[in-house]
């Protein structure tokens, strides 16, 4: 998991100027918006992560019970981060 996080962090660092410029154009106040990115990571037979693509509009529809659970937690965590508490997941 550490190596996956490393790939994601390095990817975001590489596009930081573009993200900052885009968010500056979209709002006067830099702390009132957020964007959700979807990272597609492939693990090889040695569990080395490879970045396949980054989606700027990831699908939040679910195609399986596991997918639904993961995306429900993602949405709850996102809303909690911005101060909206939809319900207690416990």
N, C-alpha and C. Protein backbone atom coordinates (compact mmCIF):
# COMPACT_ATOMS: atom_id res chain seq x y z
N UNK A 1 0.83 -1.19 0.00
CA UNK A 1 0.00 0.00 0.00
C UNK A 1 0.88 1.27 0.00
N UNK A 2 2.02 1.16 0.68
CA UNK A 2 2.93 2.31 0.71
C UNK A 2 3.39 2.69 -0.70
N UNK A 3 3.68 1.69 -1.52
CA UNK A 3 4.15 1.97 -2.88
C UNK A 3 3.03 2.55 -3.75
N UNK A 4 1.80 2.14 -3.51
CA UNK A 4 0.67 2.72 -4.24
C UNK A 4 0.51 4.19 -3.86
N UNK A 5 0.58 4.48 -2.57
CA UNK A 5 0.49 5.88 -2.11
C UNK A 5 1.61 6.71 -2.72
N UNK A 6 2.80 6.14 -2.81
CA UNK A 6 3.94 6.83 -3.39
C UNK A 6 3.68 7.19 -4.86
N UNK A 7 3.11 6.27 -5.62
CA UNK A 7 2.78 6.54 -7.02
C UNK A 7 1.76 7.68 -7.11
N UNK A 8 0.75 7.65 -6.26
CA UNK A 8 -0.29 8.68 -6.28
C UNK A 8 0.29 10.04 -5.91
N UNK A 9 1.11 10.09 -4.86
CA UNK A 9 1.71 11.36 -4.44
C UNK A 9 2.60 11.93 -5.54
N UNK A 10 3.43 11.10 -6.14
CA UNK A 10 4.32 11.57 -7.21
C UNK A 10 3.53 12.06 -8.42
N UNK A 11 2.43 11.39 -8.71
CA UNK A 11 1.59 11.82 -9.82
C UNK A 11 0.99 13.19 -9.55
N UNK A 12 0.47 13.38 -8.33
CA UNK A 12 -0.14 14.67 -7.99
C UNK A 12 0.90 15.79 -7.96
N UNK A 13 2.10 15.51 -7.48
CA UNK A 13 3.17 16.51 -7.49
C UNK A 13 3.49 16.93 -8.92
N UNK A 14 3.49 15.96 -9.84
CA UNK A 14 3.85 16.27 -11.23
C UNK A 14 2.82 17.17 -11.93
N UNK A 15 1.58 17.17 -11.46
CA UNK A 15 0.55 17.99 -12.11
C UNK A 15 0.06 19.13 -11.21
N UNK A 16 0.75 19.34 -10.09
CA UNK A 16 0.32 20.37 -9.15
C UNK A 16 0.16 21.75 -9.80
N UNK A 17 1.11 22.22 -10.62
CA UNK A 17 0.92 23.55 -11.23
C UNK A 17 -0.37 23.63 -12.05
N UNK A 18 -0.70 22.59 -12.78
CA UNK A 18 -1.93 22.57 -13.58
C UNK A 18 -3.16 22.60 -12.67
N UNK A 19 -3.14 21.82 -11.61
CA UNK A 19 -4.28 21.78 -10.68
C UNK A 19 -4.48 23.15 -10.03
N UNK A 20 -3.40 23.77 -9.58
CA UNK A 20 -3.48 25.08 -8.93
C UNK A 20 -4.00 26.13 -9.92
N UNK A 21 -3.49 26.12 -11.13
CA UNK A 21 -3.93 27.09 -12.13
C UNK A 21 -5.40 26.91 -12.46
N UNK A 22 -5.83 25.68 -12.61
CA UNK A 22 -7.23 25.41 -12.94
C UNK A 22 -8.15 25.84 -11.81
N UNK A 23 -7.79 25.50 -10.58
CA UNK A 23 -8.65 25.88 -9.46
C UNK A 23 -8.67 27.38 -9.26
N UNK A 24 -7.57 28.06 -9.57
CA UNK A 24 -7.53 29.53 -9.46
C UNK A 24 -8.47 30.19 -10.46
N UNK A 25 -8.60 29.59 -11.64
CA UNK A 25 -9.50 30.14 -12.66
C UNK A 25 -10.97 29.90 -12.31
N UNK A 26 -11.25 28.84 -11.55
CA UNK A 26 -12.63 28.44 -11.29
C UNK A 26 -13.27 29.12 -10.09
N UNK A 27 -12.47 29.64 -9.18
CA UNK A 27 -13.04 30.24 -7.98
C UNK A 27 -12.14 31.35 -7.47
N UNK A 28 -12.74 32.35 -6.82
CA UNK A 28 -11.96 33.44 -6.23
C UNK A 28 -11.29 33.01 -4.93
N UNK A 29 -11.91 32.06 -4.24
CA UNK A 29 -11.41 31.61 -2.94
C UNK A 29 -10.88 30.18 -3.07
N UNK A 30 -9.58 30.00 -2.90
CA UNK A 30 -8.96 28.71 -3.19
C UNK A 30 -9.35 27.59 -2.25
N UNK A 31 -9.94 27.88 -1.12
CA UNK A 31 -10.26 26.83 -0.15
C UNK A 31 -11.74 26.45 -0.13
N UNK A 32 -12.48 26.81 -1.15
CA UNK A 32 -13.91 26.51 -1.15
C UNK A 32 -14.32 25.49 -2.21
N UNK A 33 -13.36 24.78 -2.76
CA UNK A 33 -13.70 23.76 -3.75
C UNK A 33 -12.76 22.58 -3.60
N UNK A 34 -13.15 21.47 -4.18
CA UNK A 34 -12.30 20.29 -4.19
C UNK A 34 -12.60 19.51 -5.44
N UNK A 35 -11.71 18.60 -5.75
CA UNK A 35 -11.90 17.74 -6.91
C UNK A 35 -11.56 16.31 -6.51
N UNK A 36 -12.32 15.38 -7.02
CA UNK A 36 -12.11 13.97 -6.73
C UNK A 36 -11.47 13.32 -7.95
N UNK A 37 -10.35 12.63 -7.74
CA UNK A 37 -9.65 11.95 -8.82
C UNK A 37 -9.75 10.44 -8.61
N UNK A 38 -9.83 9.71 -9.69
CA UNK A 38 -9.84 8.26 -9.62
C UNK A 38 -8.55 7.72 -10.22
N UNK A 39 -7.79 7.01 -9.42
CA UNK A 39 -6.52 6.44 -9.88
C UNK A 39 -6.71 4.97 -10.21
N UNK A 40 -6.34 4.59 -11.42
CA UNK A 40 -6.35 3.18 -11.82
C UNK A 40 -4.92 2.67 -11.72
N UNK A 41 -4.71 1.74 -10.79
CA UNK A 41 -3.38 1.20 -10.52
C UNK A 41 -3.40 -0.29 -10.82
N UNK A 42 -2.39 -0.74 -11.56
CA UNK A 42 -2.22 -2.16 -11.86
C UNK A 42 -1.06 -2.69 -11.01
N UNK A 43 -1.24 -3.86 -10.41
CA UNK A 43 -0.15 -4.50 -9.67
C UNK A 43 0.38 -5.66 -10.50
N UNK A 44 1.71 -5.70 -10.68
CA UNK A 44 2.30 -6.80 -11.44
C UNK A 44 2.51 -8.02 -10.53
N UNK A 45 3.13 -9.06 -11.06
CA UNK A 45 3.28 -10.30 -10.29
C UNK A 45 4.21 -10.16 -9.09
N UNK A 46 4.95 -9.04 -9.01
CA UNK A 46 5.79 -8.76 -7.83
C UNK A 46 5.14 -7.69 -6.94
N UNK A 47 3.86 -7.42 -7.20
CA UNK A 47 3.07 -6.42 -6.48
C UNK A 47 3.60 -5.00 -6.64
N UNK A 48 4.32 -4.76 -7.73
CA UNK A 48 4.77 -3.41 -8.04
C UNK A 48 3.61 -2.65 -8.68
N UNK A 49 3.28 -1.46 -8.15
CA UNK A 49 2.17 -0.70 -8.73
C UNK A 49 2.58 0.05 -10.00
N UNK A 50 1.68 0.05 -10.97
CA UNK A 50 1.86 0.78 -12.22
C UNK A 50 0.63 1.65 -12.43
N UNK A 51 0.84 2.93 -12.65
CA UNK A 51 -0.26 3.84 -12.90
C UNK A 51 -0.78 3.65 -14.32
N UNK A 52 -2.05 3.32 -14.45
CA UNK A 52 -2.65 3.16 -15.77
C UNK A 52 -3.23 4.48 -16.26
N UNK A 53 -4.03 5.13 -15.39
CA UNK A 53 -4.64 6.40 -15.76
C UNK A 53 -5.18 7.08 -14.51
N UNK A 54 -5.45 8.37 -14.67
CA UNK A 54 -6.10 9.15 -13.62
C UNK A 54 -7.36 9.74 -14.23
N UNK A 55 -8.48 9.49 -13.58
CA UNK A 55 -9.75 9.99 -14.07
C UNK A 55 -10.12 11.26 -13.30
N UNK A 56 -10.44 12.33 -14.03
CA UNK A 56 -10.84 13.56 -13.36
C UNK A 56 -12.33 13.56 -13.03
N UNK A 57 -13.06 12.63 -13.59
CA UNK A 57 -14.47 12.45 -13.27
C UNK A 57 -14.74 10.97 -13.09
N UNK A 58 -14.26 10.39 -11.98
CA UNK A 58 -14.43 8.94 -11.80
C UNK A 58 -15.90 8.55 -11.63
N UNK A 59 -16.25 7.41 -12.14
CA UNK A 59 -17.62 6.91 -12.02
C UNK A 59 -17.88 6.52 -10.57
N UNK A 60 -19.03 6.94 -10.06
CA UNK A 60 -19.43 6.56 -8.71
C UNK A 60 -20.57 5.55 -8.75
N UNK A 61 -20.88 5.04 -9.94
CA UNK A 61 -21.89 3.98 -10.01
C UNK A 61 -21.23 2.68 -9.57
N UNK A 62 -22.04 1.74 -9.14
CA UNK A 62 -21.45 0.49 -8.63
C UNK A 62 -21.97 -0.69 -9.43
N UNK A 63 -21.07 -1.65 -9.65
CA UNK A 63 -21.43 -2.82 -10.44
C UNK A 63 -21.42 -4.11 -9.63
N UNK A 64 -21.06 -4.01 -8.35
CA UNK A 64 -21.03 -5.19 -7.50
C UNK A 64 -21.21 -4.75 -6.05
N UNK A 65 -21.52 -5.66 -5.16
CA UNK A 65 -21.65 -5.30 -3.75
C UNK A 65 -20.36 -4.71 -3.17
N UNK A 66 -19.20 -5.26 -3.54
CA UNK A 66 -17.93 -4.72 -3.05
C UNK A 66 -17.71 -3.31 -3.58
N UNK A 67 -17.97 -3.11 -4.87
CA UNK A 67 -17.83 -1.79 -5.49
C UNK A 67 -18.74 -0.78 -4.79
N UNK A 68 -19.96 -1.18 -4.50
CA UNK A 68 -20.92 -0.30 -3.83
C UNK A 68 -20.42 0.08 -2.44
N UNK A 69 -19.88 -0.89 -1.70
CA UNK A 69 -19.37 -0.62 -0.36
C UNK A 69 -18.19 0.35 -0.40
N UNK A 70 -17.25 0.10 -1.32
CA UNK A 70 -16.07 0.97 -1.44
C UNK A 70 -16.48 2.40 -1.79
N UNK A 71 -17.37 2.54 -2.75
CA UNK A 71 -17.76 3.88 -3.19
C UNK A 71 -18.64 4.59 -2.17
N UNK A 72 -19.43 3.84 -1.41
CA UNK A 72 -20.22 4.45 -0.34
C UNK A 72 -19.30 5.03 0.73
N UNK A 73 -18.27 4.26 1.11
CA UNK A 73 -17.30 4.75 2.09
C UNK A 73 -16.56 5.97 1.53
N UNK A 74 -16.18 5.93 0.26
CA UNK A 74 -15.50 7.06 -0.38
C UNK A 74 -16.36 8.32 -0.31
N UNK A 75 -17.63 8.20 -0.66
CA UNK A 75 -18.52 9.36 -0.65
C UNK A 75 -18.69 9.89 0.78
N UNK A 76 -18.87 8.99 1.74
CA UNK A 76 -19.00 9.41 3.14
C UNK A 76 -17.74 10.12 3.63
N UNK A 77 -16.58 9.56 3.32
CA UNK A 77 -15.32 10.19 3.73
C UNK A 77 -15.16 11.56 3.08
N UNK A 78 -15.51 11.68 1.81
CA UNK A 78 -15.42 12.96 1.11
C UNK A 78 -16.33 13.99 1.76
N UNK A 79 -17.57 13.62 2.04
CA UNK A 79 -18.50 14.55 2.67
C UNK A 79 -18.04 14.92 4.08
N UNK A 80 -17.49 13.96 4.81
CA UNK A 80 -16.96 14.27 6.15
C UNK A 80 -15.79 15.25 6.08
N UNK A 81 -14.92 15.09 5.07
CA UNK A 81 -13.79 16.00 4.92
C UNK A 81 -14.23 17.44 4.68
N UNK A 82 -15.34 17.63 3.98
CA UNK A 82 -15.80 18.99 3.71
C UNK A 82 -16.80 19.49 4.75
N UNK A 83 -17.04 18.67 5.78
CA UNK A 83 -17.88 19.12 6.88
C UNK A 83 -19.34 18.77 6.79
N UNK A 84 -19.70 17.87 5.89
CA UNK A 84 -21.08 17.41 5.76
C UNK A 84 -21.12 15.98 6.29
N UNK A 85 -21.97 15.71 7.25
CA UNK A 85 -22.01 14.39 7.87
C UNK A 85 -23.32 13.70 7.51
N UNK A 86 -23.30 12.88 6.44
CA UNK A 86 -24.55 12.27 5.96
C UNK A 86 -25.17 11.29 6.95
N UNK A 87 -24.36 10.48 7.54
CA UNK A 87 -24.81 9.52 8.56
C UNK A 87 -23.60 8.83 9.15
N UNK A 88 -23.81 8.18 10.26
CA UNK A 88 -22.71 7.45 10.90
C UNK A 88 -22.58 6.10 10.24
N UNK A 89 -21.38 5.73 9.72
CA UNK A 89 -21.18 4.48 9.00
C UNK A 89 -21.15 3.26 9.92
N UNK A 90 -21.06 3.44 11.19
CA UNK A 90 -20.88 2.32 12.11
C UNK A 90 -22.08 1.41 12.18
